[in-house]
Amino acid sequence: MARTVTTQRKTLNTALAWAVGLLIFFPILWTILTSFKTEAQAIASPPIFLNFDWTLENYAIVQERSDYMRFLWNSVIIAGGSTVLGVIVAIPAAWAMAFVPSKRTKDILLWMLSTKMLPAVGVLYPIYLLFIQLGLLDSRGGLVVVLMLINLPIIVWMLYTYFREIPGEILEAARMDGATLKEEILYILTPMAIPGIASTVLLNFILAWNEAFWTLNLTAVDAAPLTAFIASYSSPEGLFFAKLSAASTMAIAPILILGWFSQKQLVRGLTFGAVK
C-alpha cells in the first residue's frame, strides 16, 4: 500500500513538473512558431498554432535590415565582460565574508541584496549624466561596468553560499604550509568551488544577456546588444509581430543553446553542498 502511494506521488510530481515546464516554455515556443508566419497569420484571430504556411521571409528581412552579428558580438562582450569582472571582484569579497566574518557581515549581505530592490529608473538620470561626463555613453566598457555592479550582489551572495560549504580547516592547513592569501584563493579555494563558480558565471551571464533597461537607455548604435536589436522592430506604425518574433528568436537562440548544453553544470552548481 505504501509503495502504491509513493508511486502515485512520484507520478503526480512528475506530471506537475512537466505541466509547469510546458507552461514556462510555451511563450518561447509561440515566439518561434510566430517567426515562421506571415504578418497576417501572426495577428490572426483566433490564433493559428500549426496550420499555417511556413516561411523564412521574416528571417531574410531581419538579416537584410540589421547587422545581426554586430549586435551578437556586442552582447557577448558586454555579458561576458560584466560576468568575468563581477566574479573577479566577488571572489575575494565572498572569501572574506565566509572565512573572516565580522559582526556586520550578515547586515552587509542584506544591504547588498537590498540594492536589487531599488527601481532602476530611480538612478537612471544620475548614471546617464555620469556617462556623458565620462564619455561612456554608447560604449561597451560603460555597460560592462554597469551590468557588473547591478549583478554583483547576486554574484557575492551565491559565492558566499558556496564558500561556506568548504571546511575552513582546509584553508588553515594551507596557511600552515606557507600558502599566501593569493595562493589560498587561487589554488585552494577556487578549484574546490568550481561547480559553484561555474553556476554563478552561467546564471549571471544569462542575466546580463537579457538585461534590457540599461542597454536600451545607455546605448544607441555602436554598443547596442541584442536587446536593442529586438526593440528596433517596434515602430510608430505598430509592432510587426512576425518580424519581431524572428528577431527575438535570433536573440535568444545563443543563450538557449548555451543553457541546454550547460544544464547539468548549472544544476550541479545550484545544488553544490546541498547533499552531505
C-alpha atoms as a PDB file:
ATOM      1  CA  MET A   1       0.000   0.000   0.000  1.00  0.00           C
ATOM      2  CA  ALA A   2       2.768   2.408   0.968  1.00  0.00           C
ATOM      3  CA  ARG A   3       4.627   1.595  -2.251  1.00  0.00           C
ATOM      4  CA  THR A   4       1.491   2.365  -4.299  1.00  0.00           C
ATOM      5  CA  VAL A   5       1.063   5.728  -2.570  1.00  0.00           C
ATOM      6  CA  THR A   6       4.743   6.561  -3.179  1.00  0.00           C
ATOM      7  CA  THR A   7       4.428   5.632  -6.864  1.00  0.00           C
ATOM      8  CA  GLN A   8       1.297   7.741  -7.261  1.00  0.00           C
ATOM      9  CA  ARG A   9       3.005  10.671  -5.567  1.00  0.00           C
ATOM     10  CA  LYS A  10       6.013  10.397  -7.874  1.00  0.00           C
ATOM     11  CA  THR A  11       3.738  10.224 -10.909  1.00  0.00           C
ATOM     12  CA  LEU A  12       1.804  13.281  -9.723  1.00  0.00           C
ATOM     13  CA  ASN A  13       5.015  15.224  -9.061  1.00  0.00           C
ATOM     14  CA  THR A  14       6.368  14.284 -12.494  1.00  0.00           C
ATOM     15  CA  ALA A  15       3.149  15.337 -14.205  1.00  0.00           C
ATOM     16  CA  LEU A  16       3.110  18.608 -12.262  1.00  0.00           C
ATOM     17  CA  ALA A  17       6.759  19.288 -13.167  1.00  0.00           C
ATOM     18  CA  TRP A  18       6.031  18.676 -16.857  1.00  0.00           C
ATOM     19  CA  ALA A  19       2.964  20.935 -16.706  1.00  0.00           C
ATOM     20  CA  VAL A  20       4.942  23.775 -15.120  1.00  0.00           C
ATOM     21  CA  GLY A  21       7.800  23.277 -17.591  1.00  0.00           C
ATOM     22  CA  LEU A  22       5.462  23.377 -20.596  1.00  0.00           C
ATOM     23  CA  LEU A  23       3.705  26.450 -19.195  1.00  0.00           C
ATOM     24  CA  ILE A  24       7.031  28.266 -18.884  1.00  0.00           C
ATOM     25  CA  PHE A  25       8.266  27.100 -22.296  1.00  0.00           C
ATOM     26  CA  PHE A  26       5.048  27.903 -24.194  1.00  0.00           C
ATOM     27  CA  PRO A  27       5.796  31.651 -24.749  1.00  0.00           C
ATOM     28  CA  ILE A  28       9.177  30.708 -26.240  1.00  0.00           C
ATOM     29  CA  LEU A  29       7.550  28.072 -28.448  1.00  0.00           C
ATOM     30  CA  TRP A  30       4.886  30.549 -29.572  1.00  0.00           C
ATOM     31  CA  THR A  31       7.537  33.141 -30.428  1.00  0.00           C
ATOM     32  CA  ILE A  32       9.451  30.619 -32.520  1.00  0.00           C
ATOM     33  CA  LEU A  33       6.312  29.499 -34.350  1.00  0.00           C
ATOM     34  CA  THR A  34       5.219  33.097 -34.988  1.00  0.00           C
ATOM     35  CA  SER A  35       8.588  33.860 -36.545  1.00  0.00           C
ATOM     36  CA  PHE A  36       7.727  31.440 -39.386  1.00  0.00           C
ATOM     37  CA  LYS A  37       4.326  33.039 -40.100  1.00  0.00           C
ATOM     38  CA  THR A  38       3.355  35.916 -42.350  1.00  0.00           C
ATOM     39  CA  GLU A  39       2.324  39.158 -40.660  1.00  0.00           C
ATOM     40  CA  ALA A  40      -1.328  38.428 -41.433  1.00  0.00           C
ATOM     41  CA  GLN A  41      -1.100  34.960 -39.881  1.00  0.00           C
ATOM     42  CA  ALA A  42       0.767  36.327 -36.849  1.00  0.00           C
ATOM     43  CA  ILE A  43      -2.152  38.563 -35.874  1.00  0.00           C
ATOM     44  CA  ALA A  44      -4.923  36.201 -36.980  1.00  0.00           C
ATOM     45  CA  SER A  45      -7.904  35.711 -34.668  1.00  0.00           C
ATOM     46  CA  PRO A  46      -8.347  33.047 -33.469  1.00  0.00           C
ATOM     47  CA  PRO A  47      -4.605  32.356 -33.318  1.00  0.00           C
ATOM     48  CA  ILE A  48      -3.149  29.827 -35.727  1.00  0.00           C
ATOM     49  CA  PHE A  49      -0.995  27.241 -33.984  1.00  0.00           C
ATOM     50  CA  LEU A  50       0.463  24.849 -36.566  1.00  0.00           C
ATOM     51  CA  ASN A  51      -1.807  25.060 -39.608  1.00  0.00           C
ATOM     52  CA  PHE A  52      -0.079  27.929 -41.408  1.00  0.00           C
ATOM     53  CA  ASP A  53       2.217  28.497 -44.369  1.00  0.00           C
ATOM     54  CA  TRP A  54       5.757  28.221 -43.030  1.00  0.00           C
ATOM     55  CA  THR A  55       8.106  30.872 -44.393  1.00  0.00           C
ATOM     56  CA  LEU A  56      11.653  32.124 -43.831  1.00  0.00           C
ATOM     57  CA  GLU A  57      10.820  35.550 -45.202  1.00  0.00           C
ATOM     58  CA  ASN A  58      10.948  37.222 -41.766  1.00  0.00           C
ATOM     59  CA  TYR A  59      14.473  35.952 -41.107  1.00  0.00           C
ATOM     60  CA  ALA A  60      15.609  37.132 -44.537  1.00  0.00           C
ATOM     61  CA  ILE A  61      14.156  40.613 -43.926  1.00  0.00           C
ATOM     62  CA  VAL A  62      15.737  40.808 -40.467  1.00  0.00           C
ATOM     63  CA  GLN A  63      19.120  39.829 -41.900  1.00  0.00           C
ATOM     64  CA  GLU A  64      18.847  42.437 -44.660  1.00  0.00           C
ATOM     65  CA  ARG A  65      17.678  45.208 -42.347  1.00  0.00           C
ATOM     66  CA  SER A  66      20.069  44.696 -39.427  1.00  0.00           C
ATOM     67  CA  ASP A  67      23.654  43.654 -38.860  1.00  0.00           C
ATOM     68  CA  TYR A  68      22.835  40.741 -36.572  1.00  0.00           C
ATOM     69  CA  MET A  69      26.459  39.715 -35.998  1.00  0.00           C
ATOM     70  CA  ARG A  70      27.355  43.176 -34.668  1.00  0.00           C
ATOM     71  CA  PHE A  71      24.539  43.046 -32.120  1.00  0.00           C
ATOM     72  CA  LEU A  72      25.517  39.478 -31.211  1.00  0.00           C
ATOM     73  CA  TRP A  73      29.170  40.402 -30.730  1.00  0.00           C
ATOM     74  CA  ASN A  74      28.191  43.349 -28.510  1.00  0.00           C
ATOM     75  CA  SER A  75      26.031  41.048 -26.372  1.00  0.00           C
ATOM     76  CA  VAL A  76      28.850  38.523 -25.989  1.00  0.00           C
ATOM     77  CA  ILE A  77      31.368  41.194 -24.972  1.00  0.00           C
ATOM     78  CA  ILE A  78      29.009  43.006 -22.583  1.00  0.00           C
ATOM     79  CA  ALA A  79      27.565  39.893 -20.921  1.00  0.00           C
ATOM     80  CA  GLY A  80      30.885  38.064 -20.820  1.00  0.00           C
ATOM     81  CA  GLY A  81      32.907  41.072 -19.675  1.00  0.00           C
ATOM     82  CA  SER A  82      30.496  42.031 -16.883  1.00  0.00           C
ATOM     83  CA  THR A  83      30.337  38.427 -15.657  1.00  0.00           C
ATOM     84  CA  VAL A  84      34.111  37.906 -15.612  1.00  0.00           C
ATOM     85  CA  LEU A  85      34.739  41.271 -13.941  1.00  0.00           C
ATOM     86  CA  GLY A  86      31.998  40.576 -11.403  1.00  0.00           C
ATOM     87  CA  VAL A  87      33.446  37.176 -10.463  1.00  0.00           C
ATOM     88  CA  ILE A  88      36.952  38.664 -10.095  1.00  0.00           C
ATOM     89  CA  VAL A  89      35.599  41.291  -7.690  1.00  0.00           C
ATOM     90  CA  ALA A  90      33.207  38.948  -5.877  1.00  0.00           C
ATOM     91  CA  ILE A  91      35.554  36.046  -5.069  1.00  0.00           C
ATOM     92  CA  PRO A  92      37.733  37.998  -2.580  1.00  0.00           C
ATOM     93  CA  ALA A  93      34.626  39.649  -1.094  1.00  0.00           C
ATOM     94  CA  ALA A  94      32.831  36.330  -0.656  1.00  0.00           C
ATOM     95  CA  TRP A  95      36.014  34.759   0.765  1.00  0.00           C
ATOM     96  CA  ALA A  96      36.276  37.485   3.402  1.00  0.00           C
ATOM     97  CA  MET A  97      32.623  37.176   4.392  1.00  0.00           C
ATOM     98  CA  ALA A  98      32.691  33.376   4.504  1.00  0.00           C
ATOM     99  CA  PHE A  99      36.003  32.781   6.288  1.00  0.00           C
ATOM    100  CA  VAL A 100      36.734  36.059   8.102  1.00  0.00           C
ATOM    101  CA  PRO A 101      33.232  37.178   9.107  1.00  0.00           C
ATOM    102  CA  SER A 102      32.541  40.159  11.330  1.00  0.00           C
ATOM    103  CA  LYS A 103      29.511  41.099  13.387  1.00  0.00           C
ATOM    104  CA  ARG A 104      28.211  43.127  10.454  1.00  0.00           C
ATOM    105  CA  THR A 105      28.726  40.517   7.725  1.00  0.00           C
ATOM    106  CA  LYS A 106      25.071  39.490   7.536  1.00  0.00           C
ATOM    107  CA  ASP A 107      23.994  43.137   7.620  1.00  0.00           C
ATOM    108  CA  ILE A 108      26.338  43.902   4.716  1.00  0.00           C
ATOM    109  CA  LEU A 109      24.996  40.960   2.726  1.00  0.00           C
ATOM    110  CA  LEU A 110      21.403  42.051   3.328  1.00  0.00           C
ATOM    111  CA  TRP A 111      22.275  45.632   2.415  1.00  0.00           C
ATOM    112  CA  MET A 112      23.891  44.467  -0.833  1.00  0.00           C
ATOM    113  CA  LEU A 113      20.834  42.418  -1.690  1.00  0.00           C
ATOM    114  CA  SER A 114      18.510  45.318  -0.838  1.00  0.00           C
ATOM    115  CA  THR A 115      20.087  47.363  -3.627  1.00  0.00           C
ATOM    116  CA  LYS A 116      18.407  44.962  -6.093  1.00  0.00           C
ATOM    117  CA  MET A 117      15.056  46.228  -4.826  1.00  0.00           C
ATOM    118  CA  LEU A 118      15.806  49.779  -5.965  1.00  0.00           C
ATOM    119  CA  PRO A 119      13.897  50.653  -9.154  1.00  0.00           C
ATOM    120  CA  ALA A 120      16.434  51.097 -11.932  1.00  0.00           C
ATOM    121  CA  VAL A 121      14.664  54.166 -13.252  1.00  0.00           C
ATOM    122  CA  GLY A 122      15.355  55.880  -9.925  1.00  0.00           C
ATOM    123  CA  VAL A 123      19.087  56.077 -10.651  1.00  0.00           C
ATOM    124  CA  LEU A 124      18.935  56.353 -14.438  1.00  0.00           C
ATOM    125  CA  TYR A 125      19.270  60.134 -14.573  1.00  0.00           C
ATOM    126  CA  PRO A 126      22.464  60.465 -12.463  1.00  0.00           C
ATOM    127  CA  ILE A 127      24.097  57.499 -14.190  1.00  0.00           C
ATOM    128  CA  TYR A 128      23.156  58.911 -17.597  1.00  0.00           C
ATOM    129  CA  LEU A 129      24.732  62.265 -16.720  1.00  0.00           C
ATOM    130  CA  LEU A 130      27.812  60.492 -15.339  1.00  0.00           C
ATOM    131  CA  PHE A 131      28.175  58.528 -18.558  1.00  0.00           C
ATOM    132  CA  ILE A 132      28.003  61.734 -20.587  1.00  0.00           C
ATOM    133  CA  GLN A 133      30.673  63.396 -18.434  1.00  0.00           C
ATOM    134  CA  LEU A 134      32.987  60.366 -18.659  1.00  0.00           C
ATOM    135  CA  GLY A 135      32.382  59.767 -22.363  1.00  0.00           C
ATOM    136  CA  LEU A 136      30.975  56.287 -21.719  1.00  0.00           C
ATOM    137  CA  LEU A 137      27.601  56.744 -23.379  1.00  0.00           C
ATOM    138  CA  ASP A 138      27.032  54.134 -26.097  1.00  0.00           C
ATOM    139  CA  SER A 139      30.191  52.249 -25.119  1.00  0.00           C
ATOM    140  CA  ARG A 140      30.616  48.575 -24.341  1.00  0.00           C
ATOM    141  CA  GLY A 141      33.016  49.345 -21.496  1.00  0.00           C
ATOM    142  CA  GLY A 142      30.436  51.502 -19.729  1.00  0.00           C
ATOM    143  CA  LEU A 143      27.785  48.814 -19.996  1.00  0.00           C
ATOM    144  CA  VAL A 144      30.211  46.168 -18.723  1.00  0.00           C
ATOM    145  CA  VAL A 145      30.771  48.205 -15.549  1.00  0.00           C
ATOM    146  CA  VAL A 146      27.076  49.000 -15.042  1.00  0.00           C
ATOM    147  CA  LEU A 147      25.887  45.406 -15.508  1.00  0.00           C
ATOM    148  CA  MET A 148      28.696  44.129 -13.301  1.00  0.00           C
ATOM    149  CA  LEU A 149      27.621  46.453 -10.486  1.00  0.00           C
ATOM    150  CA  ILE A 150      23.954  45.544 -10.953  1.00  0.00           C
ATOM    151  CA  ASN A 151      24.600  41.793 -10.704  1.00  0.00           C
ATOM    152  CA  LEU A 152      27.418  41.982  -8.145  1.00  0.00           C
ATOM    153  CA  PRO A 153      25.120  41.428  -5.109  1.00  0.00           C
ATOM    154  CA  ILE A 154      23.832  38.191  -6.648  1.00  0.00           C
ATOM    155  CA  ILE A 155      27.355  37.023  -7.506  1.00  0.00           C
ATOM    156  CA  VAL A 156      28.619  37.729  -3.983  1.00  0.00           C
ATOM    157  CA  TRP A 157      25.626  36.033  -2.379  1.00  0.00           C
ATOM    158  CA  MET A 158      25.977  32.900  -4.492  1.00  0.00           C
ATOM    159  CA  LEU A 159      29.731  32.597  -3.997  1.00  0.00           C
ATOM    160  CA  TYR A 160      29.364  33.301  -0.275  1.00  0.00           C
ATOM    161  CA  THR A 161      26.857  30.428  -0.034  1.00  0.00           C
ATOM    162  CA  TYR A 162      29.179  28.041  -1.884  1.00  0.00           C
ATOM    163  CA  PHE A 163      32.287  29.065   0.054  1.00  0.00           C
ATOM    164  CA  ARG A 164      30.562  28.425   3.376  1.00  0.00           C
ATOM    165  CA  GLU A 165      30.218  24.765   2.386  1.00  0.00           C
ATOM    166  CA  ILE A 166      34.006  24.399   2.184  1.00  0.00           C
ATOM    167  CA  PRO A 167      35.632  23.407   5.500  1.00  0.00           C
ATOM    168  CA  GLY A 168      37.748  26.263   6.857  1.00  0.00           C
ATOM    169  CA  GLU A 169      40.251  23.740   8.195  1.00  0.00           C
ATOM    170  CA  ILE A 170      41.469  23.104   4.645  1.00  0.00           C
ATOM    171  CA  LEU A 171      42.420  26.752   4.226  1.00  0.00           C
ATOM    172  CA  GLU A 172      44.022  26.812   7.676  1.00  0.00           C
ATOM    173  CA  ALA A 173      46.148  23.810   6.705  1.00  0.00           C
ATOM    174  CA  ALA A 174      47.226  25.624   3.545  1.00  0.00           C
ATOM    175  CA  ARG A 175      48.260  28.665   5.618  1.00  0.00           C
ATOM    176  CA  MET A 176      50.272  26.442   7.960  1.00  0.00           C
ATOM    177  CA  ASP A 177      52.077  25.078   4.903  1.00  0.00           C
ATOM    178  CA  GLY A 178      53.051  28.619   3.975  1.00  0.00           C
ATOM    179  CA  ALA A 179      50.388  29.479   1.387  1.00  0.00           C
ATOM    180  CA  THR A 180      49.868  33.195   0.829  1.00  0.00           C
ATOM    181  CA  LEU A 181      46.424  34.762   0.623  1.00  0.00           C
ATOM    182  CA  LYS A 182      46.658  34.855  -3.169  1.00  0.00           C
ATOM    183  CA  GLU A 183      47.690  31.188  -3.338  1.00  0.00           C
ATOM    184  CA  GLU A 184      44.956  30.240  -0.880  1.00  0.00           C
ATOM    185  CA  ILE A 185      42.251  31.804  -3.046  1.00  0.00           C
ATOM    186  CA  LEU A 186      43.653  30.799  -6.445  1.00  0.00           C
ATOM    187  CA  TYR A 187      44.943  27.292  -5.789  1.00  0.00           C
ATOM    188  CA  ILE A 188      42.867  26.014  -2.852  1.00  0.00           C
ATOM    189  CA  LEU A 189      39.531  27.777  -2.633  1.00  0.00           C
ATOM    190  CA  THR A 190      38.734  28.373  -6.307  1.00  0.00           C
ATOM    191  CA  PRO A 191      39.334  24.777  -7.540  1.00  0.00           C
ATOM    192  CA  MET A 192      37.212  23.385  -4.708  1.00  0.00           C
ATOM    193  CA  ALA A 193      34.341  25.742  -5.540  1.00  0.00           C
ATOM    194  CA  ILE A 194      34.433  25.255  -9.327  1.00  0.00           C
ATOM    195  CA  PRO A 195      30.848  23.859  -9.536  1.00  0.00           C
ATOM    196  CA  GLY A 196      29.506  26.841  -7.613  1.00  0.00           C
ATOM    197  CA  ILE A 197      31.595  29.358  -9.538  1.00  0.00           C
ATOM    198  CA  ALA A 198      30.533  27.813 -12.853  1.00  0.00           C
ATOM    199  CA  SER A 199      26.833  28.038 -11.982  1.00  0.00           C
ATOM    200  CA  THR A 200      27.328  31.624 -10.806  1.00  0.00           C
ATOM    201  CA  VAL A 201      29.036  32.523 -14.085  1.00  0.00           C
ATOM    202  CA  LEU A 202      26.291  30.897 -16.155  1.00  0.00           C
ATOM    203  CA  LEU A 203      23.433  32.495 -14.231  1.00  0.00           C
ATOM    204  CA  ASN A 204      24.930  35.972 -14.301  1.00  0.00           C
ATOM    205  CA  PHE A 205      25.854  35.672 -17.965  1.00  0.00           C
ATOM    206  CA  ILE A 206      22.182  34.945 -18.674  1.00  0.00           C
ATOM    207  CA  LEU A 207      21.066  37.892 -16.524  1.00  0.00           C
ATOM    208  CA  ALA A 208      23.457  40.240 -18.313  1.00  0.00           C
ATOM    209  CA  TRP A 209      22.467  38.864 -21.722  1.00  0.00           C
ATOM    210  CA  ASN A 210      18.781  39.520 -21.025  1.00  0.00           C
ATOM    211  CA  GLU A 211      19.233  42.985 -19.483  1.00  0.00           C
ATOM    212  CA  ALA A 212      17.144  45.461 -21.462  1.00  0.00           C
ATOM    213  CA  PHE A 213      16.568  48.585 -19.364  1.00  0.00           C
ATOM    214  CA  TRP A 214      20.179  49.761 -19.163  1.00  0.00           C
ATOM    215  CA  THR A 215      21.182  48.605 -22.625  1.00  0.00           C
ATOM    216  CA  LEU A 216      18.297  50.494 -24.232  1.00  0.00           C
ATOM    217  CA  ASN A 217      18.915  53.685 -22.255  1.00  0.00           C
ATOM    218  CA  LEU A 218      22.716  53.822 -22.369  1.00  0.00           C
ATOM    219  CA  THR A 219      23.345  52.728 -25.963  1.00  0.00           C
ATOM    220  CA  ALA A 220      22.362  53.980 -29.393  1.00  0.00           C
ATOM    221  CA  VAL A 221      24.299  52.347 -32.233  1.00  0.00           C
ATOM    222  CA  ASP A 222      27.893  51.350 -31.521  1.00  0.00           C
ATOM    223  CA  ALA A 223      27.388  49.310 -28.329  1.00  0.00           C
ATOM    224  CA  ALA A 224      23.785  48.191 -28.895  1.00  0.00           C
ATOM    225  CA  PRO A 225      23.337  44.487 -27.963  1.00  0.00           C
ATOM    226  CA  LEU A 226      20.631  42.034 -28.970  1.00  0.00           C
ATOM    227  CA  THR A 227      18.045  43.574 -26.644  1.00  0.00           C
ATOM    228  CA  ALA A 228      18.273  46.751 -28.730  1.00  0.00           C
ATOM    229  CA  PHE A 229      18.157  44.576 -31.853  1.00  0.00           C
ATOM    230  CA  ILE A 230      14.757  43.252 -30.721  1.00  0.00           C
ATOM    231  CA  ALA A 231      13.464  46.692 -29.731  1.00  0.00           C
ATOM    232  CA  SER A 232      14.265  48.049 -33.192  1.00  0.00           C
ATOM    233  CA  TYR A 233      11.296  46.099 -34.569  1.00  0.00           C
ATOM    234  CA  SER A 234       8.856  48.271 -32.662  1.00  0.00           C
ATOM    235  CA  SER A 235       7.930  51.328 -34.702  1.00  0.00           C
ATOM    236  CA  PRO A 236       5.428  54.233 -34.530  1.00  0.00           C
ATOM    237  CA  GLU A 237       3.349  52.397 -37.110  1.00  0.00           C
ATOM    238  CA  GLY A 238       2.944  49.442 -34.765  1.00  0.00           C
ATOM    239  CA  LEU A 239       4.513  46.116 -33.948  1.00  0.00           C
ATOM    240  CA  PHE A 240       5.483  43.776 -36.752  1.00  0.00           C
ATOM    241  CA  PHE A 241       4.837  40.607 -34.780  1.00  0.00           C
ATOM    242  CA  ALA A 242       6.270  38.097 -37.230  1.00  0.00           C
ATOM    243  CA  LYS A 243       9.490  40.056 -37.770  1.00  0.00           C
ATOM    244  CA  LEU A 244       9.695  40.870 -34.060  1.00  0.00           C
ATOM    245  CA  SER A 245       9.369  37.154 -33.298  1.00  0.00           C
ATOM    246  CA  ALA A 246      12.107  36.334 -35.804  1.00  0.00           C
ATOM    247  CA  ALA A 247      14.414  38.912 -34.214  1.00  0.00           C
ATOM    248  CA  SER A 248      13.554  37.587 -30.734  1.00  0.00           C
ATOM    249  CA  THR A 249      14.259  34.010 -31.809  1.00  0.00           C
ATOM    250  CA  MET A 250      17.639  35.029 -33.225  1.00  0.00           C
ATOM    251  CA  ALA A 251      18.421  36.881 -29.991  1.00  0.00           C
ATOM    252  CA  ILE A 252      17.504  34.078 -27.587  1.00  0.00           C
ATOM    253  CA  ALA A 253      18.875  31.199 -29.679  1.00  0.00           C
ATOM    254  CA  PRO A 254      22.520  31.516 -28.473  1.00  0.00           C
ATOM    255  CA  ILE A 255      21.538  31.651 -24.785  1.00  0.00           C
ATOM    256  CA  LEU A 256      19.083  28.769 -25.191  1.00  0.00           C
ATOM    257  CA  ILE A 257      21.800  26.642 -26.770  1.00  0.00           C
ATOM    258  CA  LEU A 258      24.243  27.608 -24.017  1.00  0.00           C
ATOM    259  CA  GLY A 259      21.689  26.754 -21.342  1.00  0.00           C
ATOM    260  CA  TRP A 260      20.871  23.424 -22.958  1.00  0.00           C
ATOM    261  CA  PHE A 261      24.487  22.249 -23.133  1.00  0.00           C
ATOM    262  CA  SER A 262      25.387  23.558 -19.655  1.00  0.00           C
ATOM    263  CA  GLN A 263      22.249  22.498 -17.779  1.00  0.00           C
ATOM    264  CA  LYS A 264      23.996  19.671 -15.929  1.00  0.00           C
ATOM    265  CA  GLN A 265      26.748  22.009 -14.743  1.00  0.00           C
ATOM    266  CA  LEU A 266      24.183  24.611 -13.746  1.00  0.00           C
ATOM    267  CA  VAL A 267      22.125  22.136 -11.709  1.00  0.00           C
ATOM    268  CA  ARG A 268      25.256  20.702 -10.159  1.00  0.00           C
ATOM    269  CA  GLY A 269      26.397  24.147  -9.094  1.00  0.00           C
ATOM    270  CA  LEU A 270      22.997  25.215  -7.751  1.00  0.00           C
ATOM    271  CA  THR A 271      22.854  22.052  -5.596  1.00  0.00           C
ATOM    272  CA  PHE A 272      26.526  22.349  -4.522  1.00  0.00           C
ATOM    273  CA  GLY A 273      26.740  21.452  -0.843  1.00  0.00           C
ATOM    274  CA  ALA A 274      23.057  20.531  -0.577  1.00  0.00           C
ATOM    275  CA  VAL A 275      23.731  16.816  -0.003  1.00  0.00           C
ATOM    276  CA  LYS A 276      26.023  15.938   2.850  1.00  0.00           C
END
